[in-house]
Amino acid sequence: MLERSSEEGSGRMAMTLRWLALTIGIACVAIGVFHFILGIDSVPGEGNTGATVDSRERFYAAIFLGYGIAWIWAARQSPVPSTTVRWLSGIFLLGGVGRLLSMVIHGQPHWFQVALTVLELTLPLLFYWLSATRKLPSTNLTNQRIR
């Protein structure tokens, strides 16, 4: 009975990891497309900063879109690859650290950027925990046996 409960808990954690990875992937793709299309106009509080900053924004948007595709790819694997999740989470965390560095150097940005910073510093911890607690089984119900 205890073994079954442990397997069910692992299955729930694997499913949670899969859905969170898929959600962050879809969000990153949508944000990437939004910023790619709108350029600098997609950034709150930016105003008119010129062609150079707009070009950089669209370039980074394409990379962010690709980052989202990597999350979606990871979410579609069975089991979700822990190493990939940790790398993607580490990149996300590094982005949050970059925002903190910017706050130290330039002061507090638009409130929405502060909210994003909180997400970028906390979500990676959740992903690390979900991917590192144990070897996660496949969440494909046809491959699971109840003992």
C-alpha atoms as a PDB file:
ATOM      1  CA  MET A   1       0.000   0.000   0.000  1.00  0.00           C
ATOM      2  CA  LEU A   2       2.802   2.412   0.883  1.00  0.00           C
ATOM      3  CA  GLU A   3       4.516   1.624  -2.412  1.00  0.00           C
ATOM      4  CA  ARG A   4       1.345   2.456  -4.334  1.00  0.00           C
ATOM      5  CA  SER A   5       0.957   5.755  -2.443  1.00  0.00           C
ATOM      6  CA  SER A   6       4.553   6.668  -3.243  1.00  0.00           C
ATOM      7  CA  GLU A   7       4.000   5.857  -6.920  1.00  0.00           C
ATOM      8  CA  GLU A   8       0.814   7.930  -6.976  1.00  0.00           C
ATOM      9  CA  GLY A   9       2.662  10.858  -5.378  1.00  0.00           C
ATOM     10  CA  SER A  10       5.462  10.565  -7.931  1.00  0.00           C
ATOM     11  CA  GLY A  11       2.882  10.430 -10.708  1.00  0.00           C
ATOM     12  CA  ARG A  12       1.193  13.590  -9.432  1.00  0.00           C
ATOM     13  CA  MET A  13       4.550  15.359  -9.196  1.00  0.00           C
ATOM     14  CA  ALA A  14       5.439  14.259 -12.729  1.00  0.00           C
ATOM     15  CA  MET A  15       2.086  15.487 -14.023  1.00  0.00           C
ATOM     16  CA  THR A  16       2.488  18.795 -12.155  1.00  0.00           C
ATOM     17  CA  LEU A  17       5.971  19.235 -13.617  1.00  0.00           C
ATOM     18  CA  ARG A  18       4.691  18.419 -17.100  1.00  0.00           C
ATOM     19  CA  TRP A  19       1.812  20.933 -16.902  1.00  0.00           C
ATOM     20  CA  LEU A  20       3.957  23.685 -15.360  1.00  0.00           C
ATOM     21  CA  ALA A  21       6.638  23.175 -18.017  1.00  0.00           C
ATOM     22  CA  LEU A  22       4.012  23.279 -20.753  1.00  0.00           C
ATOM     23  CA  THR A  23       2.433  26.404 -19.240  1.00  0.00           C
ATOM     24  CA  ILE A  24       5.718  28.283 -18.977  1.00  0.00           C
ATOM     25  CA  GLY A  25       6.601  27.179 -22.508  1.00  0.00           C
ATOM     26  CA  ILE A  26       3.343  28.452 -23.969  1.00  0.00           C
ATOM     27  CA  ALA A  27       3.667  31.714 -21.996  1.00  0.00           C
ATOM     28  CA  CYS A  28       7.239  32.267 -23.227  1.00  0.00           C
ATOM     29  CA  VAL A  29       6.244  31.587 -26.846  1.00  0.00           C
ATOM     30  CA  ALA A  30       3.298  34.018 -26.555  1.00  0.00           C
ATOM     31  CA  ILE A  31       5.487  36.684 -24.929  1.00  0.00           C
ATOM     32  CA  GLY A  32       8.177  36.157 -27.566  1.00  0.00           C
ATOM     33  CA  VAL A  33       5.671  36.561 -30.404  1.00  0.00           C
ATOM     34  CA  PHE A  34       4.127  39.640 -28.725  1.00  0.00           C
ATOM     35  CA  HIS A  35       7.514  41.346 -28.306  1.00  0.00           C
ATOM     36  CA  PHE A  36       8.688  40.308 -31.768  1.00  0.00           C
ATOM     37  CA  ILE A  37       5.629  41.846 -33.417  1.00  0.00           C
ATOM     38  CA  LEU A  38       5.392  45.016 -31.301  1.00  0.00           C
ATOM     39  CA  GLY A  39       9.086  45.613 -30.669  1.00  0.00           C
ATOM     40  CA  ILE A  40       9.833  48.272 -28.072  1.00  0.00           C
ATOM     41  CA  ASP A  41       6.136  49.206 -27.873  1.00  0.00           C
ATOM     42  CA  SER A  42       5.615  45.920 -26.005  1.00  0.00           C
ATOM     43  CA  VAL A  43       7.680  47.116 -23.030  1.00  0.00           C
ATOM     44  CA  PRO A  44       5.756  49.102 -20.380  1.00  0.00           C
ATOM     45  CA  GLY A  45       7.207  52.521 -19.702  1.00  0.00           C
ATOM     46  CA  GLU A  46       9.726  52.448 -22.559  1.00  0.00           C
ATOM     47  CA  GLY A  47       8.391  55.129 -24.863  1.00  0.00           C
ATOM     48  CA  ASN A  48      10.321  55.961 -28.013  1.00  0.00           C
ATOM     49  CA  THR A  49      13.891  54.731 -27.641  1.00  0.00           C
ATOM     50  CA  GLY A  50      14.823  54.387 -31.299  1.00  0.00           C
ATOM     51  CA  ALA A  51      15.745  51.780 -33.865  1.00  0.00           C
ATOM     52  CA  THR A  52      18.706  50.269 -31.995  1.00  0.00           C
ATOM     53  CA  VAL A  53      16.712  49.364 -28.885  1.00  0.00           C
ATOM     54  CA  ASP A  54      13.754  48.200 -30.985  1.00  0.00           C
ATOM     55  CA  SER A  55      16.064  45.954 -33.016  1.00  0.00           C
ATOM     56  CA  ARG A  56      17.546  44.474 -29.841  1.00  0.00           C
ATOM     57  CA  GLU A  57      14.056  43.902 -28.394  1.00  0.00           C
ATOM     58  CA  ARG A  58      12.904  41.979 -31.465  1.00  0.00           C
ATOM     59  CA  PHE A  59      16.121  39.927 -31.531  1.00  0.00           C
ATOM     60  CA  TYR A  60      15.748  38.922 -27.875  1.00  0.00           C
ATOM     61  CA  ALA A  61      12.058  38.214 -28.465  1.00  0.00           C
ATOM     62  CA  ALA A  62      12.968  35.596 -31.070  1.00  0.00           C
ATOM     63  CA  ILE A  63      15.369  33.975 -28.602  1.00  0.00           C
ATOM     64  CA  PHE A  64      12.690  34.022 -25.877  1.00  0.00           C
ATOM     65  CA  LEU A  65      10.261  32.383 -28.291  1.00  0.00           C
ATOM     66  CA  GLY A  66      12.851  29.633 -28.859  1.00  0.00           C
ATOM     67  CA  TYR A  67      13.296  29.296 -25.101  1.00  0.00           C
ATOM     68  CA  GLY A  68       9.553  28.695 -24.814  1.00  0.00           C
ATOM     69  CA  ILE A  69       9.732  26.041 -27.529  1.00  0.00           C
ATOM     70  CA  ALA A  70      12.459  24.290 -25.493  1.00  0.00           C
ATOM     71  CA  TRP A  71      10.104  24.197 -22.466  1.00  0.00           C
ATOM     72  CA  ILE A  72       7.308  22.774 -24.624  1.00  0.00           C
ATOM     73  CA  TRP A  73       9.677  20.142 -26.010  1.00  0.00           C
ATOM     74  CA  ALA A  74      10.705  19.153 -22.452  1.00  0.00           C
ATOM     75  CA  ALA A  75       7.067  18.961 -21.330  1.00  0.00           C
ATOM     76  CA  ARG A  76       6.257  16.589 -24.195  1.00  0.00           C
ATOM     77  CA  GLN A  77       8.974  14.066 -23.257  1.00  0.00           C
ATOM     78  CA  SER A  78       8.158  11.032 -21.160  1.00  0.00           C
ATOM     79  CA  PRO A  79       9.442  11.258 -18.558  1.00  0.00           C
ATOM     80  CA  VAL A  80      10.090  14.998 -18.483  1.00  0.00           C
ATOM     81  CA  PRO A  81      13.907  15.268 -18.576  1.00  0.00           C
ATOM     82  CA  SER A  82      15.068  16.576 -15.178  1.00  0.00           C
ATOM     83  CA  THR A  83      18.408  17.837 -16.495  1.00  0.00           C
ATOM     84  CA  THR A  84      16.701  19.897 -19.193  1.00  0.00           C
ATOM     85  CA  VAL A  85      14.224  21.325 -16.668  1.00  0.00           C
ATOM     86  CA  ARG A  86      17.096  22.309 -14.362  1.00  0.00           C
ATOM     87  CA  TRP A  87      18.989  24.031 -17.183  1.00  0.00           C
ATOM     88  CA  LEU A  88      15.908  25.912 -18.384  1.00  0.00           C
ATOM     89  CA  SER A  89      15.074  26.861 -14.778  1.00  0.00           C
ATOM     90  CA  GLY A  90      18.619  28.081 -14.219  1.00  0.00           C
ATOM     91  CA  ILE A  91      18.373  30.322 -17.282  1.00  0.00           C
ATOM     92  CA  PHE A  92      15.060  31.695 -15.990  1.00  0.00           C
ATOM     93  CA  LEU A  93      16.615  32.322 -12.559  1.00  0.00           C
ATOM     94  CA  LEU A  94      19.566  34.080 -14.191  1.00  0.00           C
ATOM     95  CA  GLY A  95      17.086  36.403 -15.910  1.00  0.00           C
ATOM     96  CA  GLY A  96      15.615  37.289 -12.512  1.00  0.00           C
ATOM     97  CA  VAL A  97      19.094  37.924 -11.103  1.00  0.00           C
ATOM     98  CA  GLY A  98      19.726  40.212 -14.082  1.00  0.00           C
ATOM     99  CA  ARG A  99      16.613  42.189 -13.208  1.00  0.00           C
ATOM    100  CA  LEU A 100      17.803  42.492  -9.594  1.00  0.00           C
ATOM    101  CA  LEU A 101      21.171  43.766 -10.802  1.00  0.00           C
ATOM    102  CA  SER A 102      19.383  46.331 -12.948  1.00  0.00           C
ATOM    103  CA  MET A 103      17.355  47.475  -9.912  1.00  0.00           C
ATOM    104  CA  VAL A 104      20.535  47.929  -7.892  1.00  0.00           C
ATOM    105  CA  ILE A 105      22.200  49.947 -10.667  1.00  0.00           C
ATOM    106  CA  HIS A 106      19.236  51.910 -12.086  1.00  0.00           C
ATOM    107  CA  GLY A 107      16.487  51.769  -9.452  1.00  0.00           C
ATOM    108  CA  GLN A 108      13.024  50.271  -9.478  1.00  0.00           C
ATOM    109  CA  PRO A 109      11.455  49.691 -12.901  1.00  0.00           C
ATOM    110  CA  HIS A 110       7.798  49.637 -13.907  1.00  0.00           C
ATOM    111  CA  TRP A 111       5.709  47.632 -11.385  1.00  0.00           C
ATOM    112  CA  PHE A 112       5.072  44.877 -13.934  1.00  0.00           C
ATOM    113  CA  GLN A 113       8.821  44.261 -14.251  1.00  0.00           C
ATOM    114  CA  VAL A 114       9.029  43.901 -10.468  1.00  0.00           C
ATOM    115  CA  ALA A 115       6.242  41.296 -10.554  1.00  0.00           C
ATOM    116  CA  LEU A 116       8.099  39.419 -13.290  1.00  0.00           C
ATOM    117  CA  THR A 117      11.245  39.484 -11.161  1.00  0.00           C
ATOM    118  CA  VAL A 118       9.400  37.771  -8.312  1.00  0.00           C
ATOM    119  CA  LEU A 119       8.209  35.039 -10.694  1.00  0.00           C
ATOM    120  CA  GLU A 120      11.671  34.630 -12.203  1.00  0.00           C
ATOM    121  CA  LEU A 121      13.234  34.177  -8.775  1.00  0.00           C
ATOM    122  CA  THR A 122      10.605  31.798  -7.347  1.00  0.00           C
ATOM    123  CA  LEU A 123       9.409  29.556 -10.197  1.00  0.00           C
ATOM    124  CA  PRO A 124      12.870  28.062 -10.820  1.00  0.00           C
ATOM    125  CA  LEU A 125      12.947  26.845  -7.224  1.00  0.00           C
ATOM    126  CA  LEU A 126       9.642  25.048  -7.758  1.00  0.00           C
ATOM    127  CA  PHE A 127      10.903  23.496 -11.002  1.00  0.00           C
ATOM    128  CA  TYR A 128      14.153  22.394  -9.320  1.00  0.00           C
ATOM    129  CA  TRP A 129      12.193  20.808  -6.482  1.00  0.00           C
ATOM    130  CA  LEU A 130       9.754  19.012  -8.782  1.00  0.00           C
ATOM    131  CA  SER A 131      12.515  17.712 -11.034  1.00  0.00           C
ATOM    132  CA  ALA A 132      14.988  16.759  -8.304  1.00  0.00           C
ATOM    133  CA  THR A 133      12.878  15.095  -5.602  1.00  0.00           C
ATOM    134  CA  ARG A 134      13.010  11.667  -7.251  1.00  0.00           C
ATOM    135  CA  LYS A 135      13.260  10.006 -10.610  1.00  0.00           C
ATOM    136  CA  LEU A 136       9.917  10.871 -12.086  1.00  0.00           C
ATOM    137  CA  PRO A 137       7.975   8.095 -13.791  1.00  0.00           C
ATOM    138  CA  SER A 138       6.173   8.367 -17.070  1.00  0.00           C
ATOM    139  CA  THR A 139       2.751   9.968 -16.740  1.00  0.00           C
ATOM    140  CA  ASN A 140       1.404   7.937 -19.635  1.00  0.00           C
ATOM    141  CA  LEU A 141      -1.379   6.000 -17.900  1.00  0.00           C
ATOM    142  CA  THR A 142      -1.200   3.092 -20.352  1.00  0.00           C
ATOM    143  CA  ASN A 143       2.381   2.352 -19.197  1.00  0.00           C
ATOM    144  CA  GLN A 144       1.654   2.452 -15.444  1.00  0.00           C
ATOM    145  CA  ARG A 145       0.736  -0.621 -13.431  1.00  0.00           C
ATOM    146  CA  ILE A 146      -1.142  -0.563 -10.169  1.00  0.00           C
ATOM    147  CA  ARG A 147       0.434  -2.989  -7.715  1.00  0.00           C
END
